Amino acid sequence: MVVPELRPWRAARPHVVRIAGAVRPRLARAAAAAKPRIARLARARKPQVARVTRPWQYAAGATTAGLALAAGVVTAAGPWDSSGQRTAERDRAVALGRAGGTDHGRAPGAPAQPRPAPSAGPVLTGLGGISTVKSAPDGKALAKTLTPLLKDPALGPRPAAAVVDVTTGRRLYGTASDAALTPASTTKIATAVAALSAMGADHRLTTRAALEPDTQEVVLVGGGDPTLTAREASDGWASLRILADQTAAALAQRGVRDVTLSYDTTLYAGSQKHPIGVNPNLALVSPLMVDEGRTNDSTSGPVTRVTDPAADAARRFGDLLKDRGVKATSPGPSKATSRAKTLATVASPPLSALVERMLTDSDNDIAEALARHTAIATGHGADFAGADRAINARLRQLGLPVEGAAFKDGSGLNRADRLTADLLTALLAKAADPAHPELRPALTGLPIAGFTGTLTTRYTDGAAGVVRAKTGTLTGVNTLAGTVVDQDGRLLAFAFMANNTTDPAAAQKALDRAATTLAACGCG
């Protein structure tokens, strides 16, 4: 199995600053022109979107049209400002003294000067604003351009593709677009949209420590937060050390210095083992884990995982309590009763940040957790089968074309997953819909071509900074789905899917050529 999805990403201030500086004025002008109509739209809809207090990604300003489309819409609603950049991201970037975030920072090998994307005028036009952007590409011209590229033998016997105009939702191009194929990690786009729709962008995952009053048992209750960390520098993620600090202090107030320690993993049901078995690309799917069960200091990428993430987390919690003067027994599994009194809690960043990290890093542990939480939030069983039903039902409720789709996991590691190119482009268009600002992180988390995430070292000779896309790679499977702004300034959503490929490098290059050609297309 080949899953080259995860790498460590680093910040790169000069390049992000150049991109943001180049694009921000155009976005600001477009937003200012459309502001009166947008304000009226916002008042009519009154979207209930809480301001995100700590999103940790800068998202490269407006190197993408995906962010640009939000520039005008959520000036009046949601955590974005008139430049298209989320204000909390800007404030955090300033506080950190750098322009790049954890995921959206430039990694070694990225091109020095990604070219800025045009503004998303047509989106503002769709809202009643004024735009000089040309009409959507002509379908025949687009077919003439893309079809020869998709016939590349590297893409297997029958690749599927779809291109959609994000402003209107109209499909401009399609070939086998309704064929249900193995999507690999592009599945995460569906997981992101379903989770955001079910729980909202501001939802947080909480881990708590509770005391059983009759037995003096401290129970570490897993809340399904895979980003819980025991590192000294938590970087804003929920900290096991802080939980231990607060728990020890609460016990001291009660005069308790000696406890029985246990842990509760009953939030989830069913098997913890993914159908692919033990694999360095993810830990057991447990509601209680620390640092994704990694056995080294990495934060992404395949690595050997601990054999029991929950027991490991509880053991480390016990060690932290001991360091704080509380004697704790070796932990064992248990379940917190209704009588248990909460001693302390720590919460994850907002769901928007988790979704962005999941997409940019192609983080399988977060993906499986969000699939389970979607099931819980919608009344389904918190196991693989329940998550499948929950994601399918949630997307159907959004009016998306789920015929033939199967979500056997949330990450795309399962070869039994099935998606269509039509569904992938519909997901992206829905995330751009002004009526659903809560879905915007499904766009802002997409890697930026030649700059961040799984696209860092791709598009070095074209479309850098313009294409945003989620990659998908398994042995014999190569997929790419995202957004691009063509030469006429039109925002397009695309999905290219190839199964039964034999040369992954050649297939990847063929997909990149198709996306680059789409970006360069003046197919009006």
Protein backbone atom coordinates (compact mmCIF):
# COMPACT_ATOMS: atom_id res chain seq x y z
CA MET A 1 0.00 0.00 0.00
CA VAL A 2 1.26 3.46 -0.89
CA VAL A 3 -0.11 6.37 1.11
CA PRO A 4 2.34 9.28 0.62
CA GLU A 5 -0.12 11.75 2.11
CA LEU A 6 1.58 13.21 5.16
CA ARG A 7 4.63 15.41 5.61
CA PRO A 8 5.86 17.96 8.17
CA TRP A 9 5.04 21.52 7.06
CA ARG A 10 6.99 24.65 7.97
CA ALA A 11 6.22 28.34 7.94
CA ALA A 12 7.60 30.70 5.28
CA ARG A 13 6.87 34.32 5.98
CA PRO A 14 8.23 36.14 2.90
CA HIS A 15 6.26 34.10 0.37
CA VAL A 16 2.97 34.23 2.20
CA VAL A 17 3.33 37.96 2.77
CA ARG A 18 3.97 38.53 -0.96
CA ILE A 19 0.92 36.53 -1.94
CA ALA A 20 -1.37 38.14 0.61
CA GLY A 21 -0.09 41.59 -0.28
CA ALA A 22 -0.68 41.05 -3.97
CA VAL A 23 -4.22 39.74 -3.64
CA ARG A 24 -5.64 41.59 -0.63
CA PRO A 25 -6.22 44.96 -2.41
CA ARG A 26 -8.26 43.33 -5.17
CA LEU A 27 -10.34 41.38 -2.74
CA ALA A 28 -10.92 44.43 -0.57
CA ARG A 29 -12.10 46.45 -3.58
CA ALA A 30 -14.45 43.68 -4.68
CA ALA A 31 -15.85 43.29 -1.18
CA ALA A 32 -16.33 47.04 -0.77
CA ALA A 33 -18.26 47.23 -4.03
CA ALA A 34 -20.60 44.44 -3.01
CA LYS A 35 -20.88 45.30 0.68
CA PRO A 36 -24.38 46.90 0.68
CA ARG A 37 -26.01 43.94 -1.07
CA ILE A 38 -24.09 41.45 1.04
CA ALA A 39 -25.13 43.19 4.24
CA ARG A 40 -28.78 42.92 3.22
CA LEU A 41 -28.28 39.25 2.41
CA ALA A 42 -26.64 38.66 5.75
CA ARG A 43 -29.45 40.35 7.65
CA ALA A 44 -32.00 38.25 5.84
CA ARG A 45 -30.26 34.97 6.56
CA LYS A 46 -28.80 35.72 9.97
CA PRO A 47 -26.32 32.81 9.84
CA GLN A 48 -25.56 31.41 13.26
CA VAL A 49 -21.82 31.16 12.85
CA ALA A 50 -19.77 31.88 15.95
CA ARG A 51 -16.53 33.71 15.54
CA VAL A 52 -13.66 31.28 15.69
CA THR A 53 -11.52 32.26 18.63
CA ARG A 54 -8.39 30.41 17.74
CA PRO A 55 -8.01 29.01 14.24
CA TRP A 56 -4.31 28.29 13.84
CA GLN A 57 -3.89 28.46 10.11
CA TYR A 58 -3.00 31.59 8.21
CA ALA A 59 -4.00 29.84 4.96
CA ALA A 60 -1.74 31.97 2.80
CA GLY A 61 -4.12 34.91 2.66
CA ALA A 62 -5.77 34.85 -0.72
CA THR A 63 -3.45 32.67 -2.78
CA THR A 64 -6.62 30.82 -3.54
CA ALA A 65 -9.91 31.59 -5.09
CA GLY A 66 -11.50 29.35 -2.52
CA LEU A 67 -10.76 31.96 0.09
CA ALA A 68 -11.51 34.76 -2.31
CA LEU A 69 -15.08 33.64 -2.77
CA ALA A 70 -15.65 34.19 0.93
CA ALA A 71 -14.22 37.69 0.83
CA GLY A 72 -17.48 39.45 0.21
CA VAL A 73 -20.01 36.97 1.55
CA VAL A 74 -18.73 36.72 5.06
CA THR A 75 -17.65 40.28 5.54
CA ALA A 76 -20.97 40.65 7.30
CA ALA A 77 -21.27 37.11 8.64
CA GLY A 78 -18.64 34.67 9.88
CA PRO A 79 -15.03 34.92 10.98
CA TRP A 80 -13.62 36.54 7.83
CA ASP A 81 -12.76 40.11 7.01
CA SER A 82 -13.11 42.05 3.77
CA SER A 83 -9.75 40.81 2.48
CA GLY A 84 -10.99 37.24 2.44
CA GLN A 85 -8.70 36.33 5.32
CA ARG A 86 -10.11 35.11 8.60
CA THR A 87 -9.54 37.83 11.18
CA ALA A 88 -8.63 35.42 13.95
CA GLU A 89 -6.02 33.86 11.67
CA ARG A 90 -4.59 37.31 10.98
CA ASP A 91 -4.49 38.21 14.66
CA ARG A 92 -2.81 34.94 15.56
CA ALA A 93 -0.27 35.30 12.76
CA VAL A 94 0.64 38.74 14.04
CA ALA A 95 0.91 37.42 17.59
CA LEU A 96 3.23 34.64 16.49
CA GLY A 97 5.34 37.05 14.50
CA ARG A 98 5.13 35.01 11.30
CA ALA A 99 2.89 34.83 8.28
CA GLY A 100 2.62 31.06 7.96
CA GLY A 101 0.57 28.72 10.10
CA THR A 102 1.39 25.18 11.15
CA ASP A 103 -0.07 23.63 8.04
CA HIS A 104 -0.10 26.48 5.61
CA GLY A 105 3.54 27.38 5.90
CA ARG A 106 5.94 26.78 3.04
CA ALA A 107 7.97 23.58 3.16
CA PRO A 108 11.40 22.98 1.62
CA GLY A 109 11.15 22.53 -2.12
CA ALA A 110 8.19 24.85 -2.58
CA PRO A 111 8.54 27.46 -5.34
CA ALA A 112 9.87 30.80 -4.26
CA GLN A 113 7.10 32.94 -5.72
CA PRO A 114 3.68 31.32 -6.08
CA ARG A 115 1.64 33.57 -8.30
CA PRO A 116 -1.40 35.17 -6.71
CA ALA A 117 -4.88 34.11 -7.72
CA PRO A 118 -7.32 36.52 -9.34
CA SER A 119 -10.18 37.84 -7.31
CA ALA A 120 -13.47 35.95 -7.28
CA GLY A 121 -15.60 38.60 -8.92
CA PRO A 122 -18.18 36.19 -10.29
CA VAL A 123 -19.15 35.09 -6.81
CA LEU A 124 -19.91 38.67 -5.90
CA THR A 125 -21.83 38.98 -9.15
CA GLY A 126 -23.92 36.00 -8.15
CA LEU A 127 -24.84 37.92 -5.02
CA GLY A 128 -25.85 40.99 -7.00
CA GLY A 129 -22.51 42.79 -7.05
CA ILE A 130 -20.65 44.18 -10.04
CA SER A 131 -17.97 42.20 -11.81
CA THR A 132 -15.93 42.41 -14.99
CA VAL A 133 -15.12 38.70 -14.90
CA LYS A 134 -16.10 36.90 -18.08
CA SER A 135 -18.80 34.26 -18.30
CA ALA A 136 -18.15 30.62 -17.40
CA PRO A 137 -15.95 28.57 -19.73
CA ASP A 138 -17.64 27.08 -22.75
CA GLY A 139 -18.27 23.37 -22.23
CA LYS A 140 -17.17 22.36 -25.73
CA ALA A 141 -13.96 24.33 -25.50
CA LEU A 142 -13.28 22.85 -22.08
CA ALA A 143 -13.89 19.34 -23.37
CA LYS A 144 -11.54 19.95 -26.28
CA THR A 145 -8.88 21.05 -23.81
CA LEU A 146 -9.27 18.42 -21.08
CA THR A 147 -10.33 15.26 -22.91
CA PRO A 148 -6.94 14.57 -24.57
CA LEU A 149 -5.19 14.99 -21.21
CA LEU A 150 -7.55 12.56 -19.47
CA LYS A 151 -6.85 9.95 -22.14
CA ASP A 152 -3.29 9.67 -20.84
CA PRO A 153 -2.63 5.91 -20.34
CA ALA A 154 -1.12 6.74 -16.95
CA LEU A 155 -4.67 7.44 -15.69
CA GLY A 156 -5.84 3.88 -16.25
CA PRO A 157 -8.58 2.53 -18.50
CA ARG A 158 -11.46 4.84 -17.52
CA PRO A 159 -10.71 7.93 -15.46
CA ALA A 160 -13.57 10.08 -14.24
CA ALA A 161 -13.71 13.86 -14.19
CA ALA A 162 -16.02 16.76 -13.52
CA VAL A 163 -15.65 20.54 -13.62
CA VAL A 164 -18.27 22.83 -12.08
CA ASP A 165 -18.73 26.60 -12.14
CA VAL A 166 -18.80 27.44 -8.42
CA THR A 167 -20.85 30.60 -8.90
CA THR A 168 -23.78 28.89 -10.60
CA GLY A 169 -23.23 25.26 -9.63
CA ARG A 170 -23.50 24.31 -13.31
CA ARG A 171 -21.42 21.39 -14.52
CA LEU A 172 -19.20 22.53 -17.36
CA TYR A 173 -17.46 19.25 -18.13
CA GLY A 174 -17.86 15.62 -17.21
CA THR A 175 -16.63 12.21 -18.24
CA ALA A 176 -17.78 9.15 -16.31
CA SER A 177 -18.62 11.73 -13.65
CA ASP A 178 -21.31 9.52 -12.12
CA ALA A 179 -19.06 6.46 -11.87
CA ALA A 180 -18.48 5.45 -8.24
CA LEU A 181 -14.73 4.91 -7.88
CA THR A 182 -12.29 4.39 -5.03
CA PRO A 183 -11.50 7.97 -3.90
CA ALA A 184 -8.59 7.42 -1.46
CA SER A 185 -8.01 10.51 0.69
CA THR A 186 -10.37 12.77 -1.24
CA THR A 187 -12.93 11.02 0.99
CA LYS A 188 -11.84 13.51 3.64
CA ILE A 189 -13.67 16.29 1.77
CA ALA A 190 -16.94 14.43 2.35
CA THR A 191 -16.01 13.78 5.98
CA ALA A 192 -15.26 17.48 6.46
CA VAL A 193 -18.55 18.68 4.96
CA ALA A 194 -20.61 16.13 6.88
CA ALA A 195 -18.93 16.93 10.21
CA LEU A 196 -19.21 20.70 9.78
CA SER A 197 -22.83 20.38 8.76
CA ALA A 198 -23.68 18.13 11.71
CA MET A 199 -21.81 19.98 14.46
CA GLY A 200 -20.97 23.49 13.26
CA ALA A 201 -17.60 25.13 12.72
CA ASP A 202 -17.27 26.24 16.37
CA HIS A 203 -17.86 22.82 17.96
CA ARG A 204 -15.10 21.60 20.30
CA LEU A 205 -14.12 18.15 21.55
CA THR A 206 -13.72 17.90 25.32
CA THR A 207 -11.57 15.58 27.43
CA ARG A 208 -12.34 15.51 31.14
CA ALA A 209 -11.20 14.06 34.44
CA ALA A 210 -13.97 13.02 36.83
CA LEU A 211 -13.98 11.84 40.46
CA GLU A 212 -16.19 9.02 41.69
CA PRO A 213 -17.15 10.33 45.16
CA ASP A 214 -17.68 6.91 46.76
CA THR A 215 -14.43 5.28 45.67
CA GLN A 216 -12.01 8.19 45.16
CA GLU A 217 -11.49 6.91 41.63
CA VAL A 218 -10.32 9.44 39.04
CA VAL A 219 -11.62 8.58 35.58
CA LEU A 220 -9.99 10.05 32.48
CA VAL A 221 -12.93 10.29 30.08
CA GLY A 222 -12.08 10.27 26.39
CA GLY A 223 -13.97 12.87 24.37
CA GLY A 224 -12.77 11.78 20.96
CA ASP A 225 -10.12 14.48 20.52
CA PRO A 226 -7.21 13.02 18.50
CA THR A 227 -5.32 16.33 18.79
CA LEU A 228 -4.96 16.09 22.59
CA THR A 229 -1.25 16.52 23.28
CA ALA A 230 1.13 15.79 26.14
CA ARG A 231 3.92 17.92 24.69
CA GLU A 232 5.23 20.84 26.74
CA ALA A 233 4.38 23.21 23.91
CA SER A 234 0.75 22.49 23.12
CA ASP A 235 0.55 25.12 20.34
CA GLY A 236 -3.07 25.77 21.23
CA TRP A 237 -4.26 22.17 21.10
CA ALA A 238 -5.87 20.64 24.17
CA SER A 239 -3.12 19.85 26.68
CA LEU A 240 -2.93 16.76 28.88
CA ARG A 241 -0.50 18.69 31.09
CA ILE A 242 -3.04 21.43 31.72
CA LEU A 243 -5.67 18.80 32.47
CA ALA A 244 -3.29 17.26 35.01
CA ASP A 245 -2.61 20.70 36.55
CA GLN A 246 -6.30 21.41 36.99
CA THR A 247 -7.10 17.90 38.20
CA ALA A 248 -4.35 17.97 40.83
CA ALA A 249 -5.53 21.39 42.03
CA ALA A 250 -9.14 20.20 42.28
CA LEU A 251 -8.07 17.11 44.23
CA ALA A 252 -5.95 19.24 46.57
CA GLN A 253 -9.03 21.36 47.38
CA ARG A 254 -10.76 18.16 48.41
CA GLY A 255 -7.75 16.99 50.43
CA VAL A 256 -7.24 13.99 48.15
CA ARG A 257 -3.67 12.85 47.54
CA ASP A 258 -4.13 9.16 46.72
CA VAL A 259 -6.44 7.96 43.93
CA THR A 260 -7.33 4.97 41.81
CA LEU A 261 -6.89 5.92 38.17
CA SER A 262 -8.97 4.56 35.31
CA TYR A 263 -10.00 5.58 31.82
CA ASP A 264 -13.29 5.62 29.92
CA THR A 265 -13.48 4.92 26.16
CA THR A 266 -17.20 4.24 25.94
CA LEU A 267 -17.90 7.23 23.69
CA TYR A 268 -17.14 5.03 20.68
CA ALA A 269 -18.55 1.61 19.85
CA GLY A 270 -17.43 -1.32 17.71
CA SER A 271 -13.94 -2.31 16.67
CA GLN A 272 -11.12 0.15 17.15
CA LYS A 273 -9.08 -1.48 14.40
CA HIS A 274 -9.42 -0.03 10.92
CA PRO A 275 -10.20 -2.61 8.21
CA ILE A 276 -6.67 -2.23 6.82
CA GLY A 277 -5.33 -3.52 10.16
CA VAL A 278 -2.33 -2.22 12.04
CA ASN A 279 -0.85 0.51 9.88
CA PRO A 280 1.61 3.39 10.47
CA ASN A 281 -0.82 5.82 8.82
CA LEU A 282 -3.22 5.82 11.78
CA ALA A 283 -3.67 4.64 15.36
CA LEU A 284 -6.47 2.48 16.69
CA VAL A 285 -9.68 4.51 16.48
CA SER A 286 -10.11 5.38 20.15
CA PRO A 287 -11.88 8.32 21.82
CA LEU A 288 -8.86 8.68 24.10
CA MET A 289 -5.38 9.17 22.72
CA VAL A 290 -2.45 11.52 23.12
CA ASP A 291 -0.47 12.83 20.16
CA GLU A 292 -2.27 10.35 17.93
CA GLY A 293 -0.48 7.49 19.63
CA ARG A 294 2.80 8.40 17.92
CA THR A 295 5.97 6.80 19.21
CA ASN A 296 8.22 9.71 18.27
CA ASP A 297 8.02 13.51 18.22
CA SER A 298 6.39 13.72 14.78
CA THR A 299 3.08 15.49 14.25
CA SER A 300 2.29 14.05 10.82
CA GLY A 301 3.34 11.29 8.51
CA PRO A 302 3.39 7.51 8.92
CA VAL A 303 5.02 6.24 12.10
CA THR A 304 4.68 3.27 14.44
CA ARG A 305 1.81 3.82 16.88
CA VAL A 306 1.34 2.61 20.46
CA THR A 307 -0.57 -0.65 20.76
CA ASP A 308 -3.27 0.81 23.06
CA PRO A 309 -3.72 4.60 22.69
CA ALA A 310 -6.20 4.91 25.60
CA ALA A 311 -4.05 3.00 28.08
CA ASP A 312 -1.01 5.00 26.95
CA ALA A 313 -2.86 8.30 27.47
CA ALA A 314 -4.03 7.25 30.95
CA ARG A 315 -0.57 6.09 31.95
CA ARG A 316 0.93 9.40 30.88
CA PHE A 317 -1.83 11.25 32.72
CA GLY A 318 -1.00 9.24 35.86
CA ASP A 319 2.67 10.17 35.55
CA LEU A 320 1.73 13.84 35.27
CA LEU A 321 -0.46 13.57 38.38
CA LYS A 322 2.41 12.01 40.31
CA ASP A 323 4.64 14.91 39.27
CA ARG A 324 2.00 17.16 40.83
CA GLY A 325 1.85 15.37 44.15
CA VAL A 326 -1.03 12.98 43.50
CA LYS A 327 -0.31 9.27 43.93
CA ALA A 328 -2.21 7.26 41.28
CA THR A 329 -2.51 3.54 40.65
CA SER A 330 -1.72 1.96 37.30
CA PRO A 331 -4.75 2.78 35.15
CA GLY A 332 -7.32 0.33 33.90
CA PRO A 333 -10.50 0.60 31.79
CA SER A 334 -13.70 1.73 33.47
CA LYS A 335 -16.76 3.90 32.87
CA ALA A 336 -17.60 7.13 34.64
CA THR A 337 -20.93 6.91 36.41
CA SER A 338 -23.59 9.59 36.50
CA ARG A 339 -22.44 10.39 40.05
CA ALA A 340 -18.92 11.25 38.95
CA LYS A 341 -17.99 14.89 39.55
CA THR A 342 -16.02 16.64 36.86
CA LEU A 343 -12.67 17.84 38.21
CA ALA A 344 -11.26 19.45 35.07
CA THR A 345 -11.73 19.68 31.31
CA VAL A 346 -9.70 20.69 28.28
CA ALA A 347 -11.21 21.41 24.88
CA SER A 348 -9.88 21.16 21.36
CA PRO A 349 -9.71 24.16 19.04
CA PRO A 350 -12.90 24.72 17.02
CA LEU A 351 -13.95 22.08 14.55
CA SER A 352 -12.96 24.47 11.76
CA ALA A 353 -9.31 24.16 12.81
CA LEU A 354 -9.50 20.38 13.09
CA VAL A 355 -10.99 20.14 9.60
CA GLU A 356 -8.28 22.37 8.16
CA ARG A 357 -5.52 20.33 9.78
CA MET A 358 -7.15 17.11 8.57
CA LEU A 359 -7.29 18.30 4.96
CA THR A 360 -3.91 20.00 4.76
CA ASP A 361 -2.00 17.20 6.50
CA SER A 362 -4.32 14.46 5.18
CA ASP A 363 -4.59 13.41 8.82
CA ASN A 364 -6.26 10.01 9.04
CA ASP A 365 -6.68 10.03 12.83
CA ILE A 366 -8.64 13.27 12.75
CA ALA A 367 -10.69 11.99 9.82
CA GLU A 368 -11.77 8.85 11.65
CA ALA A 369 -12.58 10.84 14.78
CA LEU A 370 -14.74 13.33 12.86
CA ALA A 371 -16.59 10.51 11.14
CA ARG A 372 -17.43 9.04 14.56
CA HIS A 373 -18.49 12.41 15.94
CA THR A 374 -20.75 12.95 12.93
CA ALA A 375 -22.42 9.65 13.77
CA ILE A 376 -22.85 10.63 17.42
CA ALA A 377 -24.22 14.08 16.56
CA THR A 378 -26.83 12.60 14.23
CA GLY A 379 -27.96 9.67 16.39
CA HIS A 380 -26.10 6.87 14.66
CA GLY A 381 -23.81 4.28 16.18
CA ALA A 382 -20.29 5.50 16.90
CA ASP A 383 -18.60 2.80 14.82
CA PHE A 384 -17.51 2.41 11.18
CA ALA A 385 -20.98 1.36 10.01
CA GLY A 386 -22.71 4.15 11.91
CA ALA A 387 -20.31 6.73 10.50
CA ASP A 388 -21.01 5.45 6.99
CA ARG A 389 -24.75 5.92 7.47
CA ALA A 390 -24.32 9.29 9.17
CA ILE A 391 -22.09 10.83 6.49
CA ASN A 392 -24.32 9.53 3.71
CA ALA A 393 -27.47 10.85 5.39
CA ARG A 394 -25.93 14.24 6.17
CA LEU A 395 -24.77 14.78 2.60
CA ARG A 396 -28.14 13.67 1.26
CA GLN A 397 -29.79 16.21 3.57
CA LEU A 398 -27.61 18.90 1.99
CA GLY A 399 -29.03 17.91 -1.38
CA LEU A 400 -25.79 16.38 -2.66
CA PRO A 401 -25.69 13.52 -5.22
CA VAL A 402 -24.79 10.54 -3.01
CA GLU A 403 -26.02 7.80 -5.35
CA GLY A 404 -23.40 5.07 -5.44
CA ALA A 405 -21.38 6.61 -2.61
CA ALA A 406 -20.05 4.49 0.26
CA PHE A 407 -18.16 5.77 3.29
CA LYS A 408 -16.60 2.70 4.87
CA ASP A 409 -14.31 4.98 6.82
CA GLY A 410 -13.70 8.71 7.24
CA SER A 411 -10.14 8.80 5.94
CA GLY A 412 -10.23 7.08 2.56
CA LEU A 413 -7.80 4.32 3.55
CA ASN A 414 -10.52 1.72 2.97
CA ARG A 415 -10.62 0.52 -0.63
CA ALA A 416 -14.34 -0.16 -0.26
CA ASP A 417 -15.05 3.60 -0.16
CA ARG A 418 -16.82 4.92 -3.25
CA LEU A 419 -17.34 8.48 -4.46
CA THR A 420 -18.15 10.06 -7.81
CA ALA A 421 -16.56 13.05 -9.48
CA ASP A 422 -20.01 14.64 -9.45
CA LEU A 423 -20.22 14.28 -5.67
CA LEU A 424 -16.71 15.66 -5.07
CA THR A 425 -17.38 18.80 -7.12
CA ALA A 426 -20.79 19.19 -5.50
CA LEU A 427 -19.18 19.03 -2.06
CA LEU A 428 -16.76 21.81 -3.00
CA ALA A 429 -19.48 23.96 -4.51
CA LYS A 430 -21.64 23.48 -1.43
CA ALA A 431 -18.74 24.57 0.79
CA ALA A 432 -18.57 27.77 -1.29
CA ASP A 433 -22.29 28.43 -0.97
CA PRO A 434 -22.95 31.72 0.89
CA ALA A 435 -25.90 30.00 2.55
CA HIS A 436 -23.48 27.59 4.28
CA PRO A 437 -20.61 29.62 5.78
CA GLU A 438 -20.12 26.88 8.38
CA LEU A 439 -18.74 24.66 5.58
CA ARG A 440 -16.04 27.13 4.50
CA PRO A 441 -13.16 25.24 6.26
CA ALA A 442 -13.65 22.45 3.72
CA LEU A 443 -12.16 24.95 1.24
CA THR A 444 -9.72 26.86 3.43
CA GLY A 445 -8.09 23.60 4.55
CA LEU A 446 -7.28 22.41 1.04
CA PRO A 447 -3.54 22.32 0.32
CA ILE A 448 -2.22 25.11 -1.91
CA ALA A 449 -0.46 24.01 -5.10
CA GLY A 450 3.31 24.26 -4.86
CA PHE A 451 3.05 25.75 -1.41
CA THR A 452 1.46 23.74 1.40
CA GLY A 453 0.44 20.31 2.56
CA THR A 454 0.38 17.39 0.18
CA LEU A 455 0.84 19.76 -2.78
CA THR A 456 4.00 21.40 -1.46
CA THR A 457 6.36 19.91 -4.03
CA ARG A 458 3.87 19.77 -6.90
CA TYR A 459 3.05 22.42 -9.52
CA THR A 460 6.52 23.93 -9.29
CA ASP A 461 6.33 24.80 -13.00
CA GLY A 462 2.73 26.01 -13.24
CA ALA A 463 -0.45 26.89 -11.31
CA ALA A 464 1.43 27.35 -8.03
CA GLY A 465 -0.70 29.28 -5.59
CA VAL A 466 -3.78 29.07 -7.83
CA VAL A 467 -4.88 25.46 -7.47
CA ARG A 468 -6.18 24.26 -4.09
CA ALA A 469 -6.79 20.53 -3.96
CA LYS A 470 -7.02 17.42 -1.84
CA THR A 471 -4.89 14.55 -3.05
CA GLY A 472 -5.75 10.88 -2.82
CA THR A 473 -3.23 8.08 -3.24
CA LEU A 474 -3.41 4.35 -2.72
CA THR A 475 -1.74 1.64 -4.75
CA GLY A 476 -3.51 1.80 -8.10
CA VAL A 477 -5.56 4.86 -7.08
CA ASN A 478 -4.75 8.49 -7.84
CA THR A 479 -7.28 11.28 -7.29
CA LEU A 480 -7.31 15.06 -7.08
CA ALA A 481 -10.22 17.34 -6.20
CA GLY A 482 -10.29 21.05 -5.44
CA THR A 483 -10.74 24.55 -6.80
CA VAL A 484 -8.98 26.67 -9.39
CA VAL A 485 -9.37 30.11 -10.93
CA ASP A 486 -9.06 30.09 -14.71
CA GLN A 487 -7.50 32.84 -16.79
CA ASP A 488 -10.85 34.62 -17.07
CA GLY A 489 -11.08 34.87 -13.28
CA ARG A 490 -13.79 32.24 -12.96
CA LEU A 491 -13.77 30.02 -9.86
CA LEU A 492 -14.12 26.37 -10.81
CA ALA A 493 -14.39 23.19 -8.77
CA PHE A 494 -12.87 20.06 -10.28
CA ALA A 495 -12.44 16.38 -9.53
CA PHE A 496 -10.17 13.96 -11.38
CA MET A 497 -10.30 10.29 -10.38
CA ALA A 498 -8.13 7.46 -11.69
CA ASN A 499 -8.36 3.81 -10.61
CA ASN A 500 -6.29 0.83 -11.78
CA THR A 501 -3.22 2.97 -12.37
CA THR A 502 0.15 1.24 -12.59
CA ASP A 503 2.63 4.10 -12.33
CA PRO A 504 1.77 6.43 -9.42
CA ALA A 505 4.33 9.08 -10.38
CA ALA A 506 3.08 9.24 -13.97
CA ALA A 507 -0.55 9.31 -12.83
CA GLN A 508 0.17 12.15 -10.43
CA LYS A 509 1.84 14.16 -13.17
CA ALA A 510 -1.10 13.56 -15.49
CA LEU A 511 -3.54 14.84 -12.85
CA ASP A 512 -1.38 17.88 -12.24
CA ARG A 513 -1.26 18.63 -15.96
CA ALA A 514 -5.03 18.55 -16.10
CA ALA A 515 -5.38 20.95 -13.16
CA THR A 516 -2.67 23.24 -14.53
CA THR A 517 -4.36 23.32 -17.92
CA LEU A 518 -7.67 24.16 -16.27
CA ALA A 519 -6.00 27.08 -14.47
CA ALA A 520 -4.46 28.32 -17.72
CA CYS A 521 -7.68 27.92 -19.67
CA GLY A 522 -9.31 30.93 -21.24
CA CYS A 523 -12.09 28.74 -22.56
CA GLY A 524 -14.84 31.29 -22.71
